[in-house]
Amino acid sequence: MIDVLIPTRGRPVELATTLAGLAAQTGVAYRVTISDQSDGDPSWETPSAWTVIRWLRRRGVSVDLHRHLPPRGMAEQRAFLLSCATSPAVLYLDDDVWLEPGVLARLHRALGELGCGVVGAAMQALGHAEDRRPHEVTSFAAWDGPVSPEALVKDGPGWDRWRLHNAANGLHLAESLDLDGPGRPTPSPESYVAYKVAWLAGCVLFDRAALVEAGGFEFWRDLPPDAHGEDVHSQQQVMARRGAAGILPSGAYHQESPTALPDRGVSAVDALPT
């Protein structure tokens, strides 16, 4: 079982699209928790979103809806969602990420086989499918053997791996490894390549016990509400203890909507101790 945790705010179209991608996932049991912090109606208050929610519930998938107000920052929002979870694995899925069929099963399989604390499918921007950036993927390194813990230091060795997830770099890497490509069938959830990361965004699966052991998102009290990078900090805390990996093909696609967090203050990476 996976707890799929979706934070949302003012994104009705994007949330409906995200839920539609989630509804197409098979091969692993999951339940959904949505935490909304919209200024007006919650993001699920559209006919499109309710159609998918009702379909999921009809098929036996639990969907819990929460109005979690007032907003106290993304770290607190993620902490609240984690407090709702009980499954061995938790997936933080952004409200503007569409998953192709097979992604959830592939992530779950990888988490079990790799034995690490976190795996992720970095979201790809199809609007950049023709925007090839070979200079940004020179740090790519597949895990050869077991995934081991890594303690990264900002701007130190391994930090530049964050560029692997710019634009559609992951899509191009998967094509170069013959894992995906235009005109090919949807990739099998049973096949993947694990690689070294600095962090991932949009679609990240944690071993829940490992995340809790590393402190979860309880550091939210030490951050201002407009802080960002809370996901980077939490992933790197888990990575230092249990290891982390990205997987290709990703199959997670960014809807490329404007950010819901235009005003960003301090980075959690800079504000919090490692």
Protein backbone atom coordinates (compact mmCIF):
# COMPACT_ATOMS: atom_id res chain seq x y z
CA MET A 1 0.00 0.00 0.00
CA ILE A 2 1.14 3.54 -0.83
CA ASP A 3 -0.22 6.74 0.66
CA VAL A 4 -0.35 9.30 -2.17
CA LEU A 5 -0.11 12.76 -0.61
CA ILE A 6 -1.16 15.73 -2.74
CA PRO A 7 -0.78 19.33 -1.52
CA THR A 8 -2.82 21.79 -3.58
CA ARG A 9 -3.76 25.45 -3.69
CA GLY A 10 -5.83 27.21 -6.34
CA ARG A 11 -5.23 24.64 -9.07
CA PRO A 12 -8.57 23.12 -10.13
CA VAL A 13 -7.61 22.22 -13.71
CA GLU A 14 -4.20 20.90 -12.77
CA LEU A 15 -5.51 18.83 -9.85
CA ALA A 16 -8.16 17.17 -12.03
CA THR A 17 -5.47 16.27 -14.57
CA THR A 18 -3.18 14.93 -11.85
CA LEU A 19 -5.99 12.77 -10.45
CA ALA A 20 -6.77 11.45 -13.92
CA GLY A 21 -3.18 10.26 -14.29
CA LEU A 22 -3.29 8.69 -10.85
CA ALA A 23 -6.52 6.85 -11.71
CA ALA A 24 -4.72 5.04 -14.54
CA GLN A 25 -2.14 3.49 -12.18
CA THR A 26 -2.30 -0.28 -11.64
CA GLY A 27 -0.17 -2.98 -10.07
CA VAL A 28 0.01 -1.54 -6.56
CA ALA A 29 -2.63 -0.61 -3.98
CA TYR A 30 -2.81 3.02 -2.95
CA ARG A 31 -4.96 5.55 -1.19
CA VAL A 32 -5.09 9.30 -1.74
CA THR A 33 -4.99 12.24 0.67
CA ILE A 34 -5.46 15.76 -0.68
CA SER A 35 -4.74 18.81 1.47
CA ASP A 36 -6.10 22.05 0.04
CA GLN A 37 -5.09 25.58 1.03
CA SER A 38 -6.92 27.56 -1.67
CA ASP A 39 -8.07 31.09 -0.92
CA GLY A 40 -11.49 30.35 -2.42
CA ASP A 41 -13.15 27.06 -3.24
CA PRO A 42 -10.92 24.01 -2.85
CA SER A 43 -9.22 22.77 -5.99
CA TRP A 44 -11.37 19.63 -6.08
CA GLU A 45 -14.62 21.63 -6.43
CA THR A 46 -14.93 21.09 -10.17
CA PRO A 47 -17.01 18.55 -12.09
CA SER A 48 -13.81 17.12 -13.61
CA ALA A 49 -12.10 16.49 -10.28
CA TRP A 50 -15.25 15.07 -8.68
CA THR A 51 -15.69 12.67 -11.58
CA VAL A 52 -12.26 11.16 -10.95
CA ILE A 53 -12.66 11.18 -7.15
CA ARG A 54 -16.00 9.36 -7.44
CA TRP A 55 -14.52 6.87 -9.89
CA LEU A 56 -11.59 6.16 -7.57
CA ARG A 57 -13.91 5.62 -4.63
CA ARG A 58 -16.13 3.37 -6.78
CA ARG A 59 -13.08 1.21 -7.50
CA GLY A 60 -12.24 0.94 -3.82
CA VAL A 61 -9.55 3.61 -3.57
CA SER A 62 -9.84 5.71 -0.44
CA VAL A 63 -9.74 9.45 -1.18
CA ASP A 64 -9.56 11.78 1.84
CA LEU A 65 -10.13 15.50 1.32
CA HIS A 66 -8.86 18.08 3.82
CA ARG A 67 -9.16 21.85 4.01
CA HIS A 68 -5.96 22.60 5.89
CA LEU A 69 -6.06 26.28 6.83
CA PRO A 70 -4.57 28.74 7.45
CA PRO A 71 -1.50 28.20 5.25
CA ARG A 72 1.67 28.07 7.30
CA GLY A 73 4.15 27.22 4.56
CA MET A 74 4.86 24.22 2.37
CA ALA A 75 6.90 22.44 5.03
CA GLU A 76 3.94 22.54 7.44
CA GLN A 77 1.60 21.42 4.65
CA ARG A 78 3.82 18.43 3.96
CA ALA A 79 4.08 17.68 7.68
CA PHE A 80 0.29 17.63 7.93
CA LEU A 81 0.00 15.26 4.98
CA LEU A 82 2.59 12.93 6.52
CA SER A 83 0.59 12.88 9.76
CA CYS A 84 -2.34 11.48 7.75
CA ALA A 85 -0.30 8.60 6.32
CA THR A 86 -0.11 5.08 7.70
CA SER A 87 1.24 3.06 4.75
CA PRO A 88 4.84 1.78 4.58
CA ALA A 89 5.49 4.04 1.58
CA VAL A 90 4.36 7.62 0.95
CA LEU A 91 4.36 9.40 -2.39
CA TYR A 92 4.45 13.20 -2.43
CA LEU A 93 2.79 14.06 -5.74
CA ASP A 94 2.56 17.72 -6.76
CA ASP A 95 -0.84 18.91 -7.96
CA ASP A 96 0.51 19.75 -11.43
CA VAL A 97 2.15 16.44 -12.35
CA TRP A 98 0.53 13.91 -14.69
CA LEU A 99 1.67 10.29 -14.42
CA GLU A 100 1.66 7.92 -17.35
CA PRO A 101 0.47 4.36 -16.62
CA GLY A 102 2.98 2.23 -14.73
CA VAL A 103 4.83 4.96 -12.82
CA LEU A 104 3.44 4.13 -9.38
CA ALA A 105 4.21 0.41 -9.73
CA ARG A 106 7.71 1.16 -11.03
CA LEU A 107 8.48 3.49 -8.13
CA HIS A 108 7.16 0.95 -5.61
CA ARG A 109 9.18 -1.83 -7.20
CA ALA A 110 12.34 0.30 -7.18
CA LEU A 111 11.94 1.30 -3.54
CA GLY A 112 11.73 -2.35 -2.53
CA GLU A 113 14.50 -3.62 -4.79
CA LEU A 114 16.96 -0.82 -4.11
CA GLY A 115 16.37 -0.87 -0.36
CA CYS A 116 16.97 2.87 -0.02
CA GLY A 117 14.98 5.57 1.76
CA VAL A 118 13.66 7.51 -1.21
CA VAL A 119 13.21 7.09 -4.96
CA GLY A 120 11.77 9.60 -7.37
CA ALA A 121 10.54 10.12 -10.90
CA ALA A 122 11.66 13.64 -11.75
CA MET A 123 8.93 15.54 -13.60
CA GLN A 124 9.63 16.20 -17.27
CA ALA A 125 8.50 19.22 -19.29
CA LEU A 126 7.34 18.05 -22.72
CA GLY A 127 7.38 21.66 -23.88
CA HIS A 128 11.18 21.23 -23.83
CA ALA A 129 11.24 17.92 -25.73
CA GLU A 130 13.35 19.53 -28.47
CA ASP A 131 15.49 21.49 -26.01
CA ARG A 132 18.50 19.24 -25.61
CA ARG A 133 21.04 20.28 -22.99
CA PRO A 134 24.00 17.86 -23.05
CA HIS A 135 26.04 20.22 -20.87
CA GLU A 136 23.54 19.74 -18.03
CA VAL A 137 23.64 15.94 -17.89
CA THR A 138 27.38 15.35 -17.61
CA SER A 139 26.94 14.47 -13.92
CA PHE A 140 24.63 11.53 -14.72
CA ALA A 141 25.81 8.35 -12.99
CA ALA A 142 23.80 5.16 -12.69
CA TRP A 143 23.93 3.29 -9.41
CA ASP A 144 26.20 0.28 -9.98
CA GLY A 145 25.23 -2.06 -7.18
CA PRO A 146 23.40 -1.19 -3.96
CA VAL A 147 22.28 2.38 -3.29
CA SER A 148 24.38 3.75 -0.45
CA PRO A 149 23.86 6.75 1.85
CA GLU A 150 25.28 10.07 0.68
CA ALA A 151 25.71 13.29 2.62
CA LEU A 152 25.83 16.16 0.15
CA VAL A 153 27.09 19.64 0.92
CA LYS A 154 25.74 22.61 -1.00
CA ASP A 155 27.96 23.33 -4.02
CA GLY A 156 30.11 20.33 -3.08
CA PRO A 157 30.62 17.06 -5.01
CA GLY A 158 27.35 15.75 -6.40
CA TRP A 159 25.42 18.97 -5.89
CA ASP A 160 25.33 19.79 -9.59
CA ARG A 161 23.21 16.68 -10.20
CA TRP A 162 20.19 18.95 -9.71
CA ARG A 163 20.66 20.01 -13.33
CA LEU A 164 19.72 16.50 -14.45
CA HIS A 165 16.09 17.44 -13.84
CA ASN A 166 15.93 20.71 -15.74
CA ALA A 167 13.53 21.00 -18.70
CA ALA A 168 13.28 17.53 -20.35
CA ASN A 169 16.76 16.28 -19.48
CA GLY A 170 15.40 13.10 -17.91
CA LEU A 171 13.39 12.35 -21.04
CA HIS A 172 16.51 12.69 -23.17
CA LEU A 173 18.56 10.53 -20.80
CA ALA A 174 15.91 7.79 -20.95
CA GLU A 175 16.02 7.94 -24.75
CA SER A 176 19.82 7.71 -24.76
CA LEU A 177 19.58 4.58 -22.58
CA ASP A 178 16.97 3.06 -24.93
CA LEU A 179 14.37 3.09 -22.17
CA ASP A 180 11.86 5.33 -23.95
CA GLY A 181 11.31 7.26 -27.14
CA PRO A 182 8.75 8.77 -29.52
CA GLY A 183 6.41 6.20 -31.04
CA ARG A 184 7.29 3.48 -28.56
CA PRO A 185 4.79 1.77 -26.24
CA THR A 186 4.44 3.01 -22.67
CA PRO A 187 7.51 1.72 -20.79
CA SER A 188 7.08 -1.38 -18.65
CA PRO A 189 6.84 -0.77 -14.89
CA GLU A 190 9.25 -3.68 -14.39
CA SER A 191 12.27 -2.09 -16.07
CA TYR A 192 14.21 0.93 -14.87
CA VAL A 193 17.68 2.40 -14.36
CA ALA A 194 18.49 3.90 -10.97
CA TYR A 195 20.82 6.88 -10.84
CA LYS A 196 22.44 9.23 -8.34
CA VAL A 197 20.63 12.45 -7.46
CA ALA A 198 20.99 15.61 -5.44
CA TRP A 199 17.21 15.82 -4.99
CA LEU A 200 14.03 15.40 -7.02
CA ALA A 201 10.79 17.33 -7.38
CA GLY A 202 7.18 16.59 -8.15
CA CYS A 203 6.92 12.83 -7.69
CA VAL A 204 8.92 11.40 -4.79
CA LEU A 205 8.34 8.09 -2.98
CA PHE A 206 9.65 7.70 0.58
CA ASP A 207 9.98 4.75 2.85
CA ARG A 208 7.72 6.28 5.51
CA ALA A 209 9.74 4.93 8.44
CA ALA A 210 12.95 6.35 6.96
CA LEU A 211 11.33 9.76 6.47
CA VAL A 212 9.98 9.84 10.02
CA GLU A 213 13.33 8.68 11.40
CA ALA A 214 15.03 11.57 9.57
CA GLY A 215 12.62 14.07 11.15
CA GLY A 216 9.96 14.26 8.46
CA PHE A 217 8.95 17.88 7.98
CA GLU A 218 8.80 18.80 11.66
CA PHE A 219 11.41 21.47 10.97
CA TRP A 220 8.57 23.62 9.60
CA ARG A 221 8.48 25.48 12.91
CA ASP A 222 12.01 26.75 12.24
CA LEU A 223 11.12 28.28 8.87
CA PRO A 224 9.13 31.34 7.80
CA PRO A 225 5.90 30.54 5.90
CA ASP A 226 7.35 31.70 2.56
CA ALA A 227 10.39 29.41 2.75
CA HIS A 228 11.11 27.00 -0.09
CA GLY A 229 13.34 23.97 -0.57
CA GLU A 230 11.68 21.99 2.23
CA ASP A 231 11.53 18.94 -0.05
CA VAL A 232 15.24 19.27 -0.80
CA HIS A 233 16.10 19.32 2.90
CA SER A 234 13.92 16.34 3.80
CA GLN A 235 15.19 14.23 0.91
CA GLN A 236 18.80 14.95 1.77
CA GLN A 237 18.22 14.04 5.42
CA VAL A 238 16.88 10.66 4.29
CA MET A 239 19.63 10.32 1.67
CA ALA A 240 22.34 10.77 4.30
CA ARG A 241 20.88 7.91 6.34
CA ARG A 242 19.36 5.50 3.86
CA GLY A 243 20.34 6.60 0.37
CA ALA A 244 18.30 7.97 -2.55
CA ALA A 245 17.88 7.32 -6.25
CA GLY A 246 16.12 8.69 -9.27
CA ILE A 247 14.72 6.24 -11.78
CA LEU A 248 14.47 6.30 -15.57
CA PRO A 249 12.20 6.32 -17.41
CA SER A 250 10.40 8.91 -15.33
CA GLY A 251 6.89 8.92 -16.75
CA ALA A 252 6.04 11.96 -14.60
CA TYR A 253 5.20 15.05 -16.63
CA HIS A 254 4.99 18.63 -15.44
CA GLN A 255 1.87 20.41 -16.67
CA GLU A 256 3.97 23.57 -17.04
CA SER A 257 1.44 25.83 -15.33
CA PRO A 258 2.67 28.97 -13.56
CA THR A 259 3.98 28.31 -10.08
CA ALA A 260 1.53 28.46 -7.21
CA LEU A 261 4.33 29.86 -5.00
CA PRO A 262 5.60 32.99 -6.76
CA ASP A 263 6.86 34.65 -3.57
CA ARG A 264 9.69 32.61 -2.14
CA GLY A 265 11.77 33.52 0.86
CA VAL A 266 14.72 31.73 2.40
CA SER A 267 15.75 28.27 1.25
CA ALA A 268 15.39 25.52 3.85
CA VAL A 269 18.80 24.23 2.73
CA ASP A 270 20.39 27.53 3.81
CA ALA A 271 18.29 28.06 6.93
CA LEU A 272 18.47 24.63 8.56
CA PRO A 273 21.44 22.61 9.87
CA THR A 274 22.45 19.54 7.87
